[in-house]
All heavy atoms as atom14 arrays in JSON, in Angstrom:
{
  "sequence": "DFKSAPLTPITSPAVRGERIIVVEKPAALKVGQSIEV",
  "atom14_mask": [
    [1, 1, 1, 1, 1, 1, 1, 1, 0, 0, 0, 0, 0, 0],
    [1, 1, 1, 1, 1, 1, 1, 1, 1, 1, 1, 0, 0, 0],
    [1, 1, 1, 1, 1, 1, 1, 1, 1, 0, 0, 0, 0, 0],
    [1, 1, 1, 1, 1, 1, 0, 0, 0, 0, 0, 0, 0, 0],
    [1, 1, 1, 1, 1, 0, 0, 0, 0, 0, 0, 0, 0, 0],
    [1, 1, 1, 1, 1, 1, 1, 0, 0, 0, 0, 0, 0, 0],
    [1, 1, 1, 1, 1, 1, 1, 1, 0, 0, 0, 0, 0, 0],
    [1, 1, 1, 1, 1, 1, 1, 0, 0, 0, 0, 0, 0, 0],
    [1, 1, 1, 1, 1, 1, 1, 0, 0, 0, 0, 0, 0, 0],
    [1, 1, 1, 1, 1, 1, 1, 1, 0, 0, 0, 0, 0, 0],
    [1, 1, 1, 1, 1, 1, 1, 0, 0, 0, 0, 0, 0, 0],
    [1, 1, 1, 1, 1, 1, 0, 0, 0, 0, 0, 0, 0, 0],
    [1, 1, 1, 1, 1, 1, 1, 0, 0, 0, 0, 0, 0, 0],
    [1, 1, 1, 1, 1, 0, 0, 0, 0, 0, 0, 0, 0, 0],
    [1, 1, 1, 1, 1, 1, 1, 0, 0, 0, 0, 0, 0, 0],
    [1, 1, 1, 1, 1, 1, 1, 1, 1, 1, 1, 0, 0, 0],
    [1, 1, 1, 1, 0, 0, 0, 0, 0, 0, 0, 0, 0, 0],
    [1, 1, 1, 1, 1, 1, 1, 1, 1, 0, 0, 0, 0, 0],
    [1, 1, 1, 1, 1, 1, 1, 1, 1, 1, 1, 0, 0, 0],
    [1, 1, 1, 1, 1, 1, 1, 1, 0, 0, 0, 0, 0, 0],
    [1, 1, 1, 1, 1, 1, 1, 1, 0, 0, 0, 0, 0, 0],
    [1, 1, 1, 1, 1, 1, 1, 0, 0, 0, 0, 0, 0, 0],
    [1, 1, 1, 1, 1, 1, 1, 0, 0, 0, 0, 0, 0, 0],
    [1, 1, 1, 1, 1, 1, 1, 1, 1, 0, 0, 0, 0, 0],
    [1, 1, 1, 1, 1, 1, 1, 1, 1, 0, 0, 0, 0, 0],
    [1, 1, 1, 1, 1, 1, 1, 0, 0, 0, 0, 0, 0, 0],
    [1, 1, 1, 1, 1, 0, 0, 0, 0, 0, 0, 0, 0, 0],
    [1, 1, 1, 1, 1, 0, 0, 0, 0, 0, 0, 0, 0, 0],
    [1, 1, 1, 1, 1, 1, 1, 1, 0, 0, 0, 0, 0, 0],
    [1, 1, 1, 1, 1, 1, 1, 1, 1, 0, 0, 0, 0, 0],
    [1, 1, 1, 1, 1, 1, 1, 0, 0, 0, 0, 0, 0, 0],
    [1, 1, 1, 1, 0, 0, 0, 0, 0, 0, 0, 0, 0, 0],
    [1, 1, 1, 1, 1, 1, 1, 1, 1, 0, 0, 0, 0, 0],
    [1, 1, 1, 1, 1, 1, 0, 0, 0, 0, 0, 0, 0, 0],
    [1, 1, 1, 1, 1, 1, 1, 1, 0, 0, 0, 0, 0, 0],
    [1, 1, 1, 1, 1, 1, 1, 1, 1, 0, 0, 0, 0, 0],
    [1, 1, 1, 1, 1, 1, 1, 0, 0, 0, 0, 0, 0, 0]
  ],
  "atom14_positions": [
    [[13.79, -19.23, -16.3], [14.47, -18.0, -15.82], [13.45, -16.98, -15.75], [12.7, -16.83, -16.67], [15.54, -17.55, -16.86], [16.44, -16.47, -16.34], [16.1, -15.75, -15.42], [17.46, -16.17, -16.99], [0.0, 0.0, 0.0], [0.0, 0.0, 0.0], [0.0, 0.0, 0.0], [0.0, 0.0, 0.0], [0.0, 0.0, 0.0], [0.0, 0.0, 0.0]],
    [[13.42, -16.26, -14.51], [12.38, -15.21, -14.37], [12.77, -13.95, -15.18], [12.07, -12.96, -15.27], [12.25, -14.87, -12.9], [11.43, -15.84, -12.23], [11.58, -16.05, -10.82], [10.62, -16.76, -12.79], [10.98, -16.96, -10.03], [9.77, -17.65, -12.17], [9.99, -17.77, -10.68], [0.0, 0.0, 0.0], [0.0, 0.0, 0.0], [0.0, 0.0, 0.0]],
    [[14.02, -13.84, -15.59], [14.6, -12.57, -16.14], [14.41, -11.4, -15.4], [13.96, -10.31, -15.74], [13.97, -12.47, -17.69], [14.54, -13.45, -18.56], [14.24, -13.02, -20.1], [14.77, -13.97, -21.03], [14.45, -13.68, -22.4], [0.0, 0.0, 0.0], [0.0, 0.0, 0.0], [0.0, 0.0, 0.0], [0.0, 0.0, 0.0], [0.0, 0.0, 0.0]],
    [[14.57, -11.63, -14.06], [14.29, -10.64, -13.06], [15.6, -9.62, -13.03], [16.61, -9.9, -12.84], [14.25, -11.11, -11.65], [13.93, -10.28, -10.63], [0.0, 0.0, 0.0], [0.0, 0.0, 0.0], [0.0, 0.0, 0.0], [0.0, 0.0, 0.0], [0.0, 0.0, 0.0], [0.0, 0.0, 0.0], [0.0, 0.0, 0.0], [0.0, 0.0, 0.0]],
    [[15.07, -8.32, -13.38], [16.06, -7.22, -13.34], [15.4, -5.99, -12.82], [14.27, -5.81, -13.02], [16.63, -6.99, -14.87], [0.0, 0.0, 0.0], [0.0, 0.0, 0.0], [0.0, 0.0, 0.0], [0.0, 0.0, 0.0], [0.0, 0.0, 0.0], [0.0, 0.0, 0.0], [0.0, 0.0, 0.0], [0.0, 0.0, 0.0], [0.0, 0.0, 0.0]],
    [[16.08, -5.16, -12.18], [15.6, -4.06, -11.59], [14.96, -3.08, -12.58], [15.64, -2.79, -13.68], [16.74, -3.31, -10.87], [17.78, -4.35, -10.66], [17.49, -5.4, -11.81], [0.0, 0.0, 0.0], [0.0, 0.0, 0.0], [0.0, 0.0, 0.0], [0.0, 0.0, 0.0], [0.0, 0.0, 0.0], [0.0, 0.0, 0.0], [0.0, 0.0, 0.0]],
    [[13.81, -2.58, -12.44], [13.11, -1.64, -13.29], [13.04, -0.14, -12.66], [13.35, 0.83, -13.42], [11.79, -2.1, -13.73], [11.57, -3.35, -14.38], [10.17, -3.74, -14.67], [12.29, -3.25, -15.73], [0.0, 0.0, 0.0], [0.0, 0.0, 0.0], [0.0, 0.0, 0.0], [0.0, 0.0, 0.0], [0.0, 0.0, 0.0], [0.0, 0.0, 0.0]],
    [[12.68, -0.05, -11.44], [12.73, 1.17, -10.75], [12.6, 1.06, -9.25], [11.92, 0.09, -8.74], [11.44, 2.02, -11.19], [11.39, 3.2, -10.59], [10.16, 1.21, -11.04], [0.0, 0.0, 0.0], [0.0, 0.0, 0.0], [0.0, 0.0, 0.0], [0.0, 0.0, 0.0], [0.0, 0.0, 0.0], [0.0, 0.0, 0.0], [0.0, 0.0, 0.0]],
    [[13.35, 1.99, -8.48], [13.08, 1.95, -7.07], [11.72, 2.34, -6.76], [10.98, 3.09, -7.49], [14.15, 3.12, -6.67], [15.21, 3.2, -7.82], [14.34, 2.96, -9.03], [0.0, 0.0, 0.0], [0.0, 0.0, 0.0], [0.0, 0.0, 0.0], [0.0, 0.0, 0.0], [0.0, 0.0, 0.0], [0.0, 0.0, 0.0], [0.0, 0.0, 0.0]],
    [[11.21, 1.97, -5.62], [10.07, 2.58, -4.97], [10.36, 3.62, -3.94], [11.18, 3.36, -3.02], [9.21, 1.37, -4.33], [8.76, 0.24, -5.46], [7.92, 1.91, -3.6], [8.22, -0.93, -4.76], [0.0, 0.0, 0.0], [0.0, 0.0, 0.0], [0.0, 0.0, 0.0], [0.0, 0.0, 0.0], [0.0, 0.0, 0.0], [0.0, 0.0, 0.0]],
    [[9.75, 4.75, -4.13], [10.18, 5.91, -3.43], [9.49, 6.21, -2.12], [10.01, 7.21, -1.37], [10.3, 7.27, -4.33], [8.95, 7.38, -4.89], [11.26, 6.88, -5.62], [0.0, 0.0, 0.0], [0.0, 0.0, 0.0], [0.0, 0.0, 0.0], [0.0, 0.0, 0.0], [0.0, 0.0, 0.0], [0.0, 0.0, 0.0], [0.0, 0.0, 0.0]],
    [[8.34, 5.66, -1.98], [7.64, 6.11, -0.76], [7.24, 4.81, 0.12], [6.98, 3.74, -0.59], [6.33, 6.79, -1.13], [6.64, 8.14, -1.6], [0.0, 0.0, 0.0], [0.0, 0.0, 0.0], [0.0, 0.0, 0.0], [0.0, 0.0, 0.0], [0.0, 0.0, 0.0], [0.0, 0.0, 0.0], [0.0, 0.0, 0.0], [0.0, 0.0, 0.0]],
    [[7.16, 4.87, 1.44], [6.67, 3.73, 2.12], [5.23, 3.44, 1.77], [4.42, 4.16, 1.34], [6.83, 4.24, 3.5], [7.62, 5.4, 3.61], [7.48, 6.06, 2.17], [0.0, 0.0, 0.0], [0.0, 0.0, 0.0], [0.0, 0.0, 0.0], [0.0, 0.0, 0.0], [0.0, 0.0, 0.0], [0.0, 0.0, 0.0], [0.0, 0.0, 0.0]],
    [[4.82, 2.11, 2.04], [3.57, 1.59, 1.95], [3.31, 0.5, 3.04], [4.32, -0.07, 3.45], [3.26, 1.04, 0.47], [0.0, 0.0, 0.0], [0.0, 0.0, 0.0], [0.0, 0.0, 0.0], [0.0, 0.0, 0.0], [0.0, 0.0, 0.0], [0.0, 0.0, 0.0], [0.0, 0.0, 0.0], [0.0, 0.0, 0.0], [0.0, 0.0, 0.0]],
    [[2.17, 0.36, 3.33], [1.67, -0.67, 4.39], [1.16, -1.8, 3.62], [0.36, -1.88, 2.7], [0.77, 0.04, 5.37], [0.25, -0.92, 6.44], [1.43, 1.21, 6.0], [0.0, 0.0, 0.0], [0.0, 0.0, 0.0], [0.0, 0.0, 0.0], [0.0, 0.0, 0.0], [0.0, 0.0, 0.0], [0.0, 0.0, 0.0], [0.0, 0.0, 0.0]],
    [[1.4, -3.07, 4.3], [0.76, -4.29, 3.98], [-0.79, -4.16, 3.76], [-1.5, -3.49, 4.67], [1.15, -5.42, 4.93], [0.45, -6.73, 4.68], [0.87, -7.72, 5.81], [-0.02, -8.9, 5.76], [-1.11, -9.03, 6.41], [-1.47, -8.2, 7.26], [-1.81, -10.26, 6.27], [0.0, 0.0, 0.0], [0.0, 0.0, 0.0], [0.0, 0.0, 0.0]],
    [[-1.27, -4.62, 2.63], [-2.69, -4.41, 2.31], [-3.13, -3.42, 1.42], [-4.07, -3.32, 0.88], [0.0, 0.0, 0.0], [0.0, 0.0, 0.0], [0.0, 0.0, 0.0], [0.0, 0.0, 0.0], [0.0, 0.0, 0.0], [0.0, 0.0, 0.0], [0.0, 0.0, 0.0], [0.0, 0.0, 0.0], [0.0, 0.0, 0.0], [0.0, 0.0, 0.0]],
    [[-1.97, -2.48, 1.13], [-2.27, -1.37, 0.17], [-1.97, -1.79, -1.19], [-1.31, -2.86, -1.39], [-1.27, -0.11, 0.64], [-1.8, 0.53, 1.88], [-0.95, 1.76, 2.11], [0.08, 1.93, 1.39], [-1.22, 2.45, 3.14], [0.0, 0.0, 0.0], [0.0, 0.0, 0.0], [0.0, 0.0, 0.0], [0.0, 0.0, 0.0], [0.0, 0.0, 0.0]],
    [[-2.51, -1.11, -2.08], [-2.39, -1.45, -3.57], [-1.65, -0.41, -4.4], [-1.47, -0.61, -5.66], [-3.61, -1.9, -4.28], [-4.31, -3.17, -3.65], [-5.6, -3.41, -4.08], [-5.62, -3.53, -5.64], [-6.72, -3.05, -6.35], [-7.76, -2.61, -5.72], [-6.7, -3.06, -7.82], [0.0, 0.0, 0.0], [0.0, 0.0, 0.0], [0.0, 0.0, 0.0]],
    [[-1.3, 0.62, -3.81], [-0.59, 1.79, -4.48], [0.72, 1.84, -4.1], [1.11, 1.83, -2.96], [-1.4, 3.13, -4.2], [-2.91, 3.14, -4.56], [-0.71, 4.3, -5.0], [-3.15, 2.89, -6.16], [0.0, 0.0, 0.0], [0.0, 0.0, 0.0], [0.0, 0.0, 0.0], [0.0, 0.0, 0.0], [0.0, 0.0, 0.0], [0.0, 0.0, 0.0]],
    [[1.59, 2.01, -5.01], [3.15, 2.2, -4.81], [3.61, 3.45, -5.6], [2.98, 3.78, -6.61], [4.04, 1.02, -5.13], [3.81, 0.64, -6.64], [3.63, -0.23, -4.36], [4.78, -0.42, -7.12], [0.0, 0.0, 0.0], [0.0, 0.0, 0.0], [0.0, 0.0, 0.0], [0.0, 0.0, 0.0], [0.0, 0.0, 0.0], [0.0, 0.0, 0.0]],
    [[4.51, 4.09, -5.1], [5.04, 5.32, -5.67], [6.55, 4.95, -6.19], [7.33, 4.47, -5.45], [5.08, 6.48, -4.71], [5.68, 7.62, -5.45], [3.68, 6.76, -4.28], [0.0, 0.0, 0.0], [0.0, 0.0, 0.0], [0.0, 0.0, 0.0], [0.0, 0.0, 0.0], [0.0, 0.0, 0.0], [0.0, 0.0, 0.0], [0.0, 0.0, 0.0]],
    [[6.74, 5.22, -7.47], [8.04, 4.83, -8.12], [8.76, 6.03, -8.65], [8.3, 7.08, -8.93], [7.89, 3.77, -9.26], [7.02, 2.6, -8.72], [7.02, 4.37, -10.38], [0.0, 0.0, 0.0], [0.0, 0.0, 0.0], [0.0, 0.0, 0.0], [0.0, 0.0, 0.0], [0.0, 0.0, 0.0], [0.0, 0.0, 0.0], [0.0, 0.0, 0.0]],
    [[10.09, 5.73, -8.72], [10.99, 6.68, -9.35], [10.83, 6.86, -10.86], [11.02, 7.99, -11.42], [12.38, 6.45, -8.96], [13.41, 7.55, -9.31], [14.83, 7.03, -8.96], [15.11, 7.15, -7.64], [15.75, 6.64, -9.79], [0.0, 0.0, 0.0], [0.0, 0.0, 0.0], [0.0, 0.0, 0.0], [0.0, 0.0, 0.0], [0.0, 0.0, 0.0]],
    [[10.75, 5.77, -11.43], [10.75, 5.72, -13.02], [9.38, 5.04, -13.48], [9.43, 4.04, -14.05], [11.91, 4.96, -13.51], [13.26, 5.51, -12.89], [14.4, 4.6, -13.47], [15.73, 4.99, -12.81], [16.82, 4.04, -13.21], [0.0, 0.0, 0.0], [0.0, 0.0, 0.0], [0.0, 0.0, 0.0], [0.0, 0.0, 0.0], [0.0, 0.0, 0.0]],
    [[8.32, 5.82, -13.5], [7.08, 5.25, -14.1], [7.2, 4.88, -15.5], [6.4, 4.02, -16.07], [6.09, 6.36, -13.71], [6.78, 7.63, -13.61], [8.13, 7.25, -12.92], [0.0, 0.0, 0.0], [0.0, 0.0, 0.0], [0.0, 0.0, 0.0], [0.0, 0.0, 0.0], [0.0, 0.0, 0.0], [0.0, 0.0, 0.0], [0.0, 0.0, 0.0]],
    [[8.11, 5.59, -16.25], [8.09, 5.32, -17.67], [8.7, 4.01, -17.99], [8.53, 3.44, -19.17], [9.09, 6.38, -18.39], [0.0, 0.0, 0.0], [0.0, 0.0, 0.0], [0.0, 0.0, 0.0], [0.0, 0.0, 0.0], [0.0, 0.0, 0.0], [0.0, 0.0, 0.0], [0.0, 0.0, 0.0], [0.0, 0.0, 0.0], [0.0, 0.0, 0.0]],
    [[9.22, 3.33, -16.97], [9.79, 2.04, -17.08], [8.67, 0.89, -17.01], [8.92, -0.34, -17.26], [10.86, 1.59, -16.18], [0.0, 0.0, 0.0], [0.0, 0.0, 0.0], [0.0, 0.0, 0.0], [0.0, 0.0, 0.0], [0.0, 0.0, 0.0], [0.0, 0.0, 0.0], [0.0, 0.0, 0.0], [0.0, 0.0, 0.0], [0.0, 0.0, 0.0]],
    [[7.41, 1.31, -16.67], [6.29, 0.39, -16.4], [5.19, 0.65, -17.38], [5.1, 1.67, -17.97], [5.89, 0.57, -15.0], [6.94, 0.51, -13.89], [6.4, 0.88, -12.57], [7.68, -0.77, -13.97], [0.0, 0.0, 0.0], [0.0, 0.0, 0.0], [0.0, 0.0, 0.0], [0.0, 0.0, 0.0], [0.0, 0.0, 0.0], [0.0, 0.0, 0.0]],
    [[4.33, -0.29, -17.51], [3.15, -0.13, -18.4], [1.93, -0.94, -17.73], [2.17, -1.86, -17.03], [3.38, -0.65, -19.7], [3.87, -2.04, -20.01], [4.12, -2.27, -21.4], [4.51, -3.79, -21.58], [4.79, -4.17, -23.01], [0.0, 0.0, 0.0], [0.0, 0.0, 0.0], [0.0, 0.0, 0.0], [0.0, 0.0, 0.0], [0.0, 0.0, 0.0]],
    [[0.81, -0.54, -18.04], [-0.49, -1.13, -17.59], [-0.48, -2.57, -18.2], [-0.34, -2.78, -19.36], [-1.68, -0.25, -17.85], [-2.98, -1.11, -17.51], [-1.65, 1.09, -17.19], [0.0, 0.0, 0.0], [0.0, 0.0, 0.0], [0.0, 0.0, 0.0], [0.0, 0.0, 0.0], [0.0, 0.0, 0.0], [0.0, 0.0, 0.0], [0.0, 0.0, 0.0]],
    [[-0.86, -3.49, -17.34], [-1.02, -4.85, -17.79], [0.23, -5.65, -17.59], [0.26, -6.91, -17.71], [0.0, 0.0, 0.0], [0.0, 0.0, 0.0], [0.0, 0.0, 0.0], [0.0, 0.0, 0.0], [0.0, 0.0, 0.0], [0.0, 0.0, 0.0], [0.0, 0.0, 0.0], [0.0, 0.0, 0.0], [0.0, 0.0, 0.0], [0.0, 0.0, 0.0]],
    [[1.26, -5.03, -17.19], [2.56, -5.66, -17.15], [2.73, -6.47, -15.83], [2.22, -6.05, -14.81], [3.7, -4.59, -17.01], [5.0, -5.19, -16.98], [6.11, -4.03, -16.94], [5.81, -2.84, -17.02], [7.34, -4.3, -16.98], [0.0, 0.0, 0.0], [0.0, 0.0, 0.0], [0.0, 0.0, 0.0], [0.0, 0.0, 0.0], [0.0, 0.0, 0.0]],
    [[3.21, -7.76, -15.83], [3.44, -8.4, -14.62], [4.78, -8.09, -14.02], [5.84, -7.88, -14.82], [3.58, -9.94, -14.88], [2.27, -10.32, -15.3], [0.0, 0.0, 0.0], [0.0, 0.0, 0.0], [0.0, 0.0, 0.0], [0.0, 0.0, 0.0], [0.0, 0.0, 0.0], [0.0, 0.0, 0.0], [0.0, 0.0, 0.0], [0.0, 0.0, 0.0]],
    [[4.87, -7.76, -12.84], [6.07, -7.27, -12.14], [6.32, -8.0, -10.83], [5.48, -8.72, -10.21], [5.98, -5.72, -11.85], [4.7, -5.46, -10.91], [5.96, -4.91, -13.09], [4.72, -4.1, -10.4], [0.0, 0.0, 0.0], [0.0, 0.0, 0.0], [0.0, 0.0, 0.0], [0.0, 0.0, 0.0], [0.0, 0.0, 0.0], [0.0, 0.0, 0.0]],
    [[7.43, -7.95, -10.3], [7.88, -8.46, -8.97], [8.06, -7.17, -8.15], [8.95, -6.37, -8.45], [9.15, -9.27, -9.02], [9.69, -9.77, -7.64], [10.95, -10.51, -7.77], [11.58, -10.61, -8.92], [11.38, -10.98, -6.8], [0.0, 0.0, 0.0], [0.0, 0.0, 0.0], [0.0, 0.0, 0.0], [0.0, 0.0, 0.0], [0.0, 0.0, 0.0]],
    [[7.47, -7.22, -6.93], [7.71, -6.09, -5.91], [8.66, -6.79, -4.92], [8.2, -7.77, -4.32], [6.5, -5.45, -5.31], [6.85, -4.46, -4.37], [5.66, -4.91, -6.47], [0.0, 0.0, 0.0], [0.0, 0.0, 0.0], [0.0, 0.0, 0.0], [0.0, 0.0, 0.0], [0.0, 0.0, 0.0], [0.0, 0.0, 0.0], [0.0, 0.0, 0.0]]
  ]
}
């Protein structure tokens, strides 16, 4: 089971090839964490 559950919406567009995303709830995330976009 991936235990996939929503953490935060992404609030700004981004383009394929970029590595920066802008999120609504940064406090829900931490450095080193594995995530699904």
